[in-house]
N, C-alpha and C. Protein backbone atom coordinates (compact mmCIF):
# COMPACT_ATOMS: atom_id res chain seq x y z
N MET A 1 -14.59 -29.08 7.37
CA MET A 1 -12.74 -29.75 7.36
C MET A 1 -12.31 -29.46 8.74
N ASP A 2 -11.91 -30.88 9.44
CA ASP A 2 -11.06 -30.27 10.56
C ASP A 2 -9.56 -30.72 10.37
N LEU A 3 -8.60 -29.79 11.46
CA LEU A 3 -7.07 -29.88 11.43
C LEU A 3 -6.56 -30.93 10.59
N VAL A 4 -6.79 -31.93 11.13
CA VAL A 4 -6.04 -33.22 10.51
C VAL A 4 -6.38 -33.42 8.76
N GLU A 5 -7.41 -33.02 8.26
CA GLU A 5 -7.92 -33.09 6.97
C GLU A 5 -7.22 -32.05 6.55
N LEU A 6 -7.58 -31.14 6.93
CA LEU A 6 -6.62 -29.68 6.37
C LEU A 6 -4.99 -29.93 6.15
N MET A 7 -4.49 -30.54 7.34
CA MET A 7 -3.18 -30.92 7.01
C MET A 7 -2.68 -31.94 5.98
N LEU A 8 -3.52 -32.81 6.05
CA LEU A 8 -3.68 -34.07 4.67
C LEU A 8 -3.51 -33.47 3.52
N ALA A 9 -4.33 -32.68 3.17
CA ALA A 9 -4.89 -32.10 2.19
C ALA A 9 -3.64 -30.93 1.62
N GLY A 10 -2.94 -30.20 2.48
CA GLY A 10 -1.72 -29.69 1.97
C GLY A 10 -0.72 -30.53 2.02
N ASP A 11 -0.68 -31.65 2.45
CA ASP A 11 0.63 -32.42 2.39
C ASP A 11 0.53 -33.16 0.77
N GLU A 12 -0.76 -33.42 0.39
CA GLU A 12 -1.25 -33.91 -0.19
C GLU A 12 -1.04 -33.47 -1.88
N ASN A 13 -1.11 -32.01 -1.60
CA ASN A 13 -0.87 -31.07 -2.65
C ASN A 13 0.51 -30.94 -2.78
N VAL A 14 1.65 -30.94 -1.69
CA VAL A 14 3.07 -30.78 -1.97
C VAL A 14 3.22 -32.23 -2.38
N ARG A 15 3.03 -33.22 -2.26
CA ARG A 15 3.54 -34.61 -2.58
C ARG A 15 3.09 -34.70 -3.99
N ALA A 16 2.03 -34.09 -4.57
CA ALA A 16 1.64 -34.43 -5.77
C ALA A 16 2.57 -33.82 -7.00
N HIS A 17 3.33 -32.75 -6.43
CA HIS A 17 4.35 -32.42 -7.35
C HIS A 17 5.60 -33.21 -7.59
N ASP A 18 5.44 -34.55 -6.72
CA ASP A 18 6.38 -35.50 -7.37
C ASP A 18 6.62 -35.90 -8.59
N SER A 19 4.99 -35.59 -9.00
CA SER A 19 4.50 -36.11 -10.45
C SER A 19 5.19 -34.89 -11.32
N SER A 20 6.13 -35.23 -12.04
CA SER A 20 6.57 -33.83 -13.26
C SER A 20 5.20 -33.63 -14.12
N HIS A 21 3.98 -34.76 -14.08
CA HIS A 21 2.99 -33.90 -14.92
C HIS A 21 2.25 -32.61 -14.10
N ASN A 22 2.12 -32.86 -12.67
CA ASN A 22 1.41 -32.23 -11.81
C ASN A 22 2.09 -31.23 -11.40
N LEU A 23 3.80 -31.21 -11.40
CA LEU A 23 4.17 -30.02 -10.91
C LEU A 23 4.21 -29.14 -12.78
N ALA A 24 4.28 -29.18 -13.48
CA ALA A 24 4.09 -28.48 -14.88
C ALA A 24 2.87 -28.11 -14.78
N ASP A 25 1.45 -28.92 -14.47
CA ASP A 25 0.57 -28.32 -14.15
C ASP A 25 0.47 -26.86 -13.20
N SER A 26 0.98 -27.44 -11.98
CA SER A 26 0.81 -26.09 -11.36
C SER A 26 1.34 -24.90 -11.81
N ALA A 27 2.66 -25.23 -12.15
CA ALA A 27 3.59 -24.15 -12.82
C ALA A 27 2.77 -23.21 -13.93
N ARG A 28 2.04 -23.73 -14.90
CA ARG A 28 1.17 -23.22 -16.07
C ARG A 28 0.17 -22.48 -15.09
N SER A 29 -0.79 -23.39 -13.69
CA SER A 29 -1.50 -22.68 -13.30
C SER A 29 -1.12 -21.16 -12.99
N PHE A 30 -0.02 -21.40 -12.31
CA PHE A 30 0.66 -20.22 -11.89
C PHE A 30 0.99 -18.99 -12.97
N LEU A 31 1.61 -19.62 -14.35
CA LEU A 31 1.74 -18.24 -15.38
C LEU A 31 0.23 -18.23 -16.02
N GLY A 32 -0.44 -18.80 -16.10
CA GLY A 32 -1.75 -18.19 -16.09
C GLY A 32 -2.29 -17.25 -15.38
N CYS A 33 -2.21 -17.65 -14.05
CA CYS A 33 -2.41 -16.21 -13.18
C CYS A 33 -1.80 -15.15 -13.35
N VAL A 34 -0.30 -15.28 -13.94
CA VAL A 34 0.66 -13.77 -13.68
C VAL A 34 0.28 -13.37 -15.23
N ALA A 35 -0.17 -14.10 -16.64
CA ALA A 35 -0.25 -13.84 -17.74
C ALA A 35 -0.69 -12.24 -17.92
N GLY A 36 0.42 -11.36 -18.38
CA GLY A 36 -0.33 -10.07 -18.65
C GLY A 36 0.70 -8.87 -17.63
N TRP A 37 1.32 -9.47 -16.89
CA TRP A 37 1.72 -8.57 -16.00
C TRP A 37 3.11 -8.42 -15.97
N ASP A 38 3.53 -7.57 -16.39
CA ASP A 38 5.06 -7.15 -16.89
C ASP A 38 5.75 -6.79 -15.67
N ASP A 39 7.49 -7.04 -16.04
CA ASP A 39 8.57 -6.76 -14.87
C ASP A 39 8.07 -6.92 -13.66
N PHE A 40 8.01 -8.22 -13.43
CA PHE A 40 8.13 -8.61 -11.58
C PHE A 40 9.16 -9.83 -11.37
N THR A 41 9.31 -9.50 -10.23
CA THR A 41 10.23 -11.13 -9.86
C THR A 41 9.28 -12.01 -8.95
N VAL A 42 9.74 -13.33 -8.74
CA VAL A 42 8.88 -13.97 -7.55
C VAL A 42 9.64 -14.50 -6.50
N GLU A 43 9.00 -14.36 -5.84
CA GLU A 43 9.56 -15.10 -4.35
C GLU A 43 8.64 -15.94 -3.98
N ALA A 44 9.80 -16.94 -3.37
CA ALA A 44 8.59 -18.15 -3.24
C ALA A 44 8.43 -18.10 -1.63
N ALA A 45 6.95 -18.56 -1.26
CA ALA A 45 7.02 -18.66 -0.22
C ALA A 45 7.61 -20.01 0.72
N SER A 46 7.64 -20.90 0.18
CA SER A 46 7.97 -22.54 0.67
C SER A 46 8.81 -23.04 -0.09
N PRO A 47 9.43 -24.03 0.43
CA PRO A 47 9.90 -25.26 -0.80
C PRO A 47 9.28 -25.74 -1.72
N ALA A 48 7.88 -25.96 -1.54
CA ALA A 48 7.27 -26.56 -2.41
C ALA A 48 6.87 -25.25 -3.65
N ALA A 49 6.76 -24.20 -2.99
CA ALA A 49 6.54 -23.02 -4.05
C ALA A 49 8.29 -22.90 -5.00
N GLU A 50 9.28 -23.16 -4.54
CA GLU A 50 10.16 -23.24 -5.33
C GLU A 50 10.50 -24.15 -5.92
N ARG A 51 10.07 -25.21 -5.69
CA ARG A 51 9.66 -26.34 -7.13
C ARG A 51 9.09 -25.83 -8.53
N VAL A 52 7.88 -25.25 -8.13
CA VAL A 52 6.83 -24.82 -8.99
C VAL A 52 7.71 -23.37 -9.60
N LEU A 53 8.06 -22.44 -8.97
CA LEU A 53 8.63 -21.39 -9.70
C LEU A 53 10.02 -22.04 -10.69
N GLY A 54 10.55 -22.96 -10.24
CA GLY A 54 11.65 -23.41 -11.10
C GLY A 54 10.83 -23.89 -12.25
N ALA A 55 9.87 -24.70 -12.15
CA ALA A 55 9.41 -25.58 -13.69
C ALA A 55 8.56 -24.48 -14.34
N ALA A 56 7.98 -23.29 -13.54
CA ALA A 56 7.46 -22.11 -14.38
C ALA A 56 8.68 -21.56 -15.11
N MET A 57 9.65 -21.39 -14.30
CA MET A 57 10.86 -20.48 -15.06
C MET A 57 11.41 -21.47 -16.52
N MET A 58 11.27 -22.72 -16.45
CA MET A 58 11.45 -23.62 -17.37
C MET A 58 10.64 -23.21 -18.29
N ILE A 59 9.39 -23.48 -18.02
CA ILE A 59 8.41 -22.77 -18.85
C ILE A 59 8.37 -21.58 -19.74
N ASP A 60 8.80 -20.79 -19.23
CA ASP A 60 9.01 -19.52 -19.29
C ASP A 60 10.07 -18.73 -18.73
N PRO A 61 11.04 -18.95 -19.96
CA PRO A 61 12.60 -18.64 -19.25
C PRO A 61 12.52 -16.53 -18.79
N THR A 62 11.03 -16.21 -19.10
CA THR A 62 11.02 -14.82 -18.75
C THR A 62 10.78 -14.19 -17.43
N ILE A 63 10.40 -15.43 -16.78
CA ILE A 63 10.29 -15.22 -15.26
C ILE A 63 11.18 -15.36 -14.64
N ARG A 64 11.46 -14.27 -13.31
CA ARG A 64 12.53 -13.91 -12.43
C ARG A 64 12.56 -14.14 -11.28
N GLY A 65 13.15 -15.16 -10.46
CA GLY A 65 13.40 -15.23 -9.19
C GLY A 65 13.64 -13.97 -8.28
N GLY A 66 13.46 -13.86 -7.39
CA GLY A 66 13.63 -12.74 -6.59
C GLY A 66 13.09 -11.58 -6.11
N ARG A 67 13.60 -10.46 -5.56
CA ARG A 67 12.73 -9.30 -4.76
C ARG A 67 13.43 -7.97 -5.44
N SER A 68 12.09 -7.34 -5.88
CA SER A 68 11.99 -6.27 -6.42
C SER A 68 10.81 -5.49 -6.38
N ALA A 69 11.11 -4.36 -6.60
CA ALA A 69 9.79 -3.44 -6.54
C ALA A 69 8.30 -3.88 -6.40
N ARG A 70 8.22 -4.92 -7.76
CA ARG A 70 7.22 -5.32 -7.92
C ARG A 70 7.69 -6.91 -7.73
N THR A 71 6.81 -7.32 -6.99
CA THR A 71 7.31 -8.93 -6.60
C THR A 71 6.07 -9.82 -6.22
N VAL A 72 5.96 -10.66 -6.61
CA VAL A 72 4.78 -11.57 -6.92
C VAL A 72 5.16 -12.48 -5.85
N VAL A 73 4.47 -12.72 -4.72
CA VAL A 73 4.98 -14.24 -3.65
C VAL A 73 4.16 -15.19 -3.77
N LEU A 74 4.97 -16.50 -4.47
CA LEU A 74 3.89 -17.58 -4.70
C LEU A 74 4.12 -18.62 -3.73
N ASP A 75 2.58 -19.50 -3.50
CA ASP A 75 2.92 -20.79 -2.69
C ASP A 75 2.45 -21.58 -3.25
N VAL A 76 2.11 -22.91 -2.34
CA VAL A 76 1.07 -23.98 -3.39
C VAL A 76 0.00 -24.14 -2.79
N ASN A 77 0.16 -23.50 -1.17
CA ASN A 77 -0.95 -23.89 -0.71
C ASN A 77 -1.07 -22.29 0.80
N ILE A 78 -2.65 -22.56 0.77
CA ILE A 78 -2.81 -21.36 1.69
C ILE A 78 -3.85 -21.76 3.01
N ALA A 79 -3.57 -21.73 3.66
CA ALA A 79 -4.82 -21.80 4.43
C ALA A 79 -4.93 -20.70 5.86
N SER A 80 -3.99 -20.23 6.79
CA SER A 80 -3.71 -18.94 6.94
C SER A 80 -3.07 -17.88 6.83
N GLY A 81 -2.31 -18.00 5.79
CA GLY A 81 -1.59 -17.15 5.00
C GLY A 81 0.09 -16.62 5.81
N THR A 82 0.04 -17.46 6.64
CA THR A 82 1.65 -17.15 7.57
C THR A 82 2.65 -17.46 6.53
N LEU A 83 3.00 -18.30 5.51
CA LEU A 83 4.13 -18.48 5.08
C LEU A 83 4.19 -17.09 4.10
N VAL A 84 3.03 -16.71 3.26
CA VAL A 84 3.00 -15.55 2.47
C VAL A 84 3.12 -14.46 3.26
N ALA A 85 3.08 -14.63 4.10
CA ALA A 85 3.10 -12.99 5.04
C ALA A 85 4.69 -13.28 5.75
N ASN A 86 5.34 -14.26 5.98
CA ASN A 86 6.74 -14.19 6.14
C ASN A 86 7.38 -14.29 4.56
N ALA A 87 7.08 -14.48 3.81
CA ALA A 87 7.66 -14.11 2.23
C ALA A 87 7.88 -12.55 2.18
N ALA A 88 6.49 -12.06 2.45
CA ALA A 88 6.06 -10.66 2.27
C ALA A 88 7.30 -9.63 3.23
N ARG A 89 7.60 -10.33 4.03
CA ARG A 89 8.49 -9.39 5.43
C ARG A 89 9.64 -9.55 4.95
N ARG A 90 9.99 -10.87 4.10
CA ARG A 90 11.19 -10.32 3.83
C ARG A 90 11.79 -9.80 2.32
N VAL A 91 10.38 -9.76 1.83
CA VAL A 91 10.70 -8.72 0.16
C VAL A 91 10.57 -7.30 1.09
N ARG A 92 10.03 -6.95 2.05
CA ARG A 92 9.46 -5.44 2.42
C ARG A 92 10.76 -5.06 3.21
N GLU A 93 11.81 -5.85 3.90
CA GLU A 93 12.73 -5.64 4.57
C GLU A 93 13.71 -5.50 3.39
N GLU A 94 13.88 -5.85 2.12
CA GLU A 94 15.06 -5.97 1.38
C GLU A 94 15.05 -4.55 0.31
N VAL A 95 13.84 -4.56 -0.08
CA VAL A 95 13.39 -3.64 -1.10
C VAL A 95 12.04 -2.79 -0.69
N GLN A 96 11.86 -1.50 -1.53
CA GLN A 96 10.71 -0.68 -1.16
C GLN A 96 10.03 -1.19 -2.52
N SER A 97 8.67 -1.69 -1.77
CA SER A 97 7.65 -2.39 -2.55
C SER A 97 6.70 -1.52 -3.02
N GLU A 98 6.74 -1.47 -4.91
CA GLU A 98 5.20 -0.49 -5.38
C GLU A 98 4.29 -1.35 -5.18
N TRP A 99 3.91 -2.62 -5.60
CA TRP A 99 2.97 -3.48 -5.06
C TRP A 99 3.64 -4.82 -4.82
N LEU A 100 2.97 -5.69 -4.17
CA LEU A 100 3.26 -7.05 -3.45
C LEU A 100 1.89 -7.89 -3.78
N ILE A 101 2.07 -8.60 -4.55
CA ILE A 101 0.91 -9.58 -4.70
C ILE A 101 1.19 -11.15 -4.60
N ALA A 102 0.33 -11.81 -3.97
CA ALA A 102 0.33 -13.31 -3.65
C ALA A 102 -0.52 -14.15 -4.50
N VAL A 103 0.06 -14.73 -4.89
CA VAL A 103 -0.43 -15.78 -6.02
C VAL A 103 -0.34 -17.38 -5.24
N VAL A 104 -1.42 -18.25 -4.98
CA VAL A 104 -1.57 -19.59 -4.35
C VAL A 104 -2.22 -20.40 -5.74
N ILE A 105 -1.50 -21.60 -5.74
CA ILE A 105 -2.11 -22.72 -6.50
C ILE A 105 -3.48 -23.28 -5.46
N ASN A 106 -3.57 -23.61 -4.28
CA ASN A 106 -4.72 -24.42 -3.72
C ASN A 106 -4.95 -23.39 -2.72
N THR A 107 -6.17 -23.20 -2.14
CA THR A 107 -6.43 -22.73 -0.92
C THR A 107 -7.27 -24.17 -0.33
N LEU A 108 -6.56 -24.19 1.09
CA LEU A 108 -7.17 -24.99 1.92
C LEU A 108 -8.62 -24.53 2.53
N THR A 109 -8.85 -23.69 2.63
CA THR A 109 -10.13 -22.92 3.35
C THR A 109 -10.75 -21.95 2.17
N ASP A 110 -11.99 -21.68 2.26
CA ASP A 110 -12.66 -21.16 2.06
C ASP A 110 -12.06 -19.73 1.61
N ALA A 111 -11.95 -18.95 0.44
CA ALA A 111 -11.67 -17.61 0.77
C ALA A 111 -12.69 -16.55 1.72
N ASP A 112 -12.01 -15.98 2.49
CA ASP A 112 -12.63 -15.34 3.47
C ASP A 112 -12.51 -13.88 3.48
N MET A 113 -13.35 -13.02 3.58
CA MET A 113 -13.50 -11.29 3.59
C MET A 113 -12.98 -10.81 4.67
N ARG A 114 -12.50 -11.53 5.52
CA ARG A 114 -11.82 -11.21 6.86
C ARG A 114 -10.56 -11.23 6.65
N TRP A 115 -10.48 -12.08 5.68
CA TRP A 115 -8.90 -12.24 5.64
C TRP A 115 -7.72 -11.30 5.51
N SER A 116 -6.53 -10.92 6.39
CA SER A 116 -5.64 -10.02 6.11
C SER A 116 -4.44 -10.47 5.80
N ILE A 117 -3.69 -10.56 4.93
CA ILE A 117 -2.17 -11.16 5.27
C ILE A 117 -1.34 -10.10 5.33
N GLU A 118 -0.76 -9.89 6.32
CA GLU A 118 0.53 -8.56 6.32
C GLU A 118 1.20 -8.51 5.40
N GLY A 119 1.22 -7.18 4.55
CA GLY A 119 2.31 -6.78 3.85
C GLY A 119 1.70 -7.55 2.41
N ILE A 120 0.60 -7.66 2.31
CA ILE A 120 0.10 -8.42 1.09
C ILE A 120 -1.18 -7.41 0.23
N ASP A 121 -0.79 -6.75 -1.11
CA ASP A 121 -2.06 -5.94 -1.56
C ASP A 121 -3.15 -6.33 -1.94
N SER A 122 -2.50 -7.50 -2.63
CA SER A 122 -4.04 -8.64 -3.50
C SER A 122 -3.16 -9.93 -3.06
N LEU A 123 -4.63 -11.10 -3.25
CA LEU A 123 -3.91 -12.11 -3.05
C LEU A 123 -5.05 -13.03 -4.44
N PHE A 124 -4.25 -13.81 -4.91
CA PHE A 124 -4.96 -14.64 -6.35
C PHE A 124 -4.46 -16.00 -5.81
N VAL A 125 -5.76 -16.70 -6.24
CA VAL A 125 -6.08 -18.16 -5.91
C VAL A 125 -6.05 -18.58 -7.13
N CYS A 126 -5.05 -19.46 -7.46
CA CYS A 126 -5.22 -19.73 -9.11
C CYS A 126 -6.08 -21.53 -9.49
N GLY A 127 -6.28 -22.17 -8.62
CA GLY A 127 -6.80 -23.27 -8.17
C GLY A 127 -6.79 -24.09 -7.26
N GLY A 128 -7.67 -25.03 -7.29
CA GLY A 128 -8.01 -25.80 -5.80
C GLY A 128 -8.94 -25.22 -4.87
N SER A 129 -9.72 -24.21 -5.70
CA SER A 129 -10.53 -23.82 -4.83
C SER A 129 -11.80 -24.19 -4.56
N SER A 130 -12.37 -23.77 -3.64
CA SER A 130 -13.82 -24.58 -3.33
C SER A 130 -14.88 -23.73 -4.07
N ASN A 131 -14.40 -22.19 -4.56
CA ASN A 131 -15.40 -21.62 -5.32
C ASN A 131 -14.96 -21.72 -6.97
N SER A 132 -16.03 -21.35 -7.47
CA SER A 132 -16.02 -21.73 -9.11
C SER A 132 -15.91 -20.19 -9.89
N GLY A 133 -15.06 -20.03 -11.03
CA GLY A 133 -15.14 -18.70 -11.73
C GLY A 133 -14.63 -17.65 -10.69
N GLU A 134 -14.81 -16.59 -11.32
CA GLU A 134 -13.66 -15.38 -10.59
C GLU A 134 -14.39 -15.10 -9.36
N SER A 135 -13.91 -14.45 -8.31
CA SER A 135 -14.60 -13.99 -7.09
C SER A 135 -13.24 -12.73 -6.61
N HIS A 136 -14.34 -11.80 -6.40
CA HIS A 136 -13.14 -10.73 -5.85
C HIS A 136 -14.07 -10.60 -4.03
N TYR A 137 -12.74 -10.61 -3.20
CA TYR A 137 -13.13 -10.44 -1.83
C TYR A 137 -12.36 -9.37 -1.47
N GLY A 138 -12.90 -8.10 -0.65
CA GLY A 138 -11.98 -7.06 0.12
C GLY A 138 -12.28 -7.27 1.69
N SER A 139 -11.09 -6.58 2.26
CA SER A 139 -11.38 -6.56 3.48
C SER A 139 -10.94 -5.24 3.83
N GLN A 140 -10.97 -5.17 5.36
CA GLN A 140 -10.99 -3.61 6.14
C GLN A 140 -9.43 -3.18 5.85
N GLN A 141 -8.25 -3.83 5.44
CA GLN A 141 -6.99 -3.59 4.96
C GLN A 141 -6.61 -3.51 3.55
N SER A 142 -7.75 -3.69 2.79
CA SER A 142 -7.65 -3.67 1.48
C SER A 142 -7.25 -5.00 0.58
N LEU A 143 -7.13 -5.55 1.39
CA LEU A 143 -6.52 -7.12 0.83
C LEU A 143 -7.74 -7.59 -0.30
N SER A 144 -7.54 -7.94 -1.31
CA SER A 144 -8.30 -7.88 -2.35
C SER A 144 -8.03 -9.96 -2.32
N VAL A 145 -8.86 -10.81 -2.43
CA VAL A 145 -8.68 -11.83 -2.93
C VAL A 145 -9.42 -12.21 -3.78
N HIS A 146 -8.94 -12.71 -5.33
CA HIS A 146 -9.68 -13.40 -6.30
C HIS A 146 -9.27 -14.68 -6.64
N THR A 147 -9.91 -15.75 -6.94
CA THR A 147 -10.56 -16.96 -7.22
C THR A 147 -10.59 -16.89 -8.33
N LEU A 148 -9.28 -17.54 -9.27
CA LEU A 148 -9.39 -17.67 -10.78
C LEU A 148 -9.91 -19.08 -10.86
């Protein structure tokens, strides 16, 4: 996939949320990824993630936005991890984190064990991945990548 295809795929994933059905599907995908996790807040990494978070909060009113010691950073797409890293930095500047997890709906590139996203303890990719099933990747900086 070249750079233009990557950008088009990311834009298509964001524009797909103009459909309420697709927005609800992404929200449910996110909720499925965090099912069983307790006492956390969600920090959106992008405006597109804010829409998914809002939909998730409508489906499950126990989901809370904001920054806390246990925060999940949410984004719609991940290619390099820059938006996720920026969101993690905002959280860590404001609170002392116990754990900081990132959940993304779509990966635009293959999950790679060399990925290192500053400030993130684990990364979960909920859908749109090129890998099927659950995979776990580790890096030198103890980042775990899980593809669900």
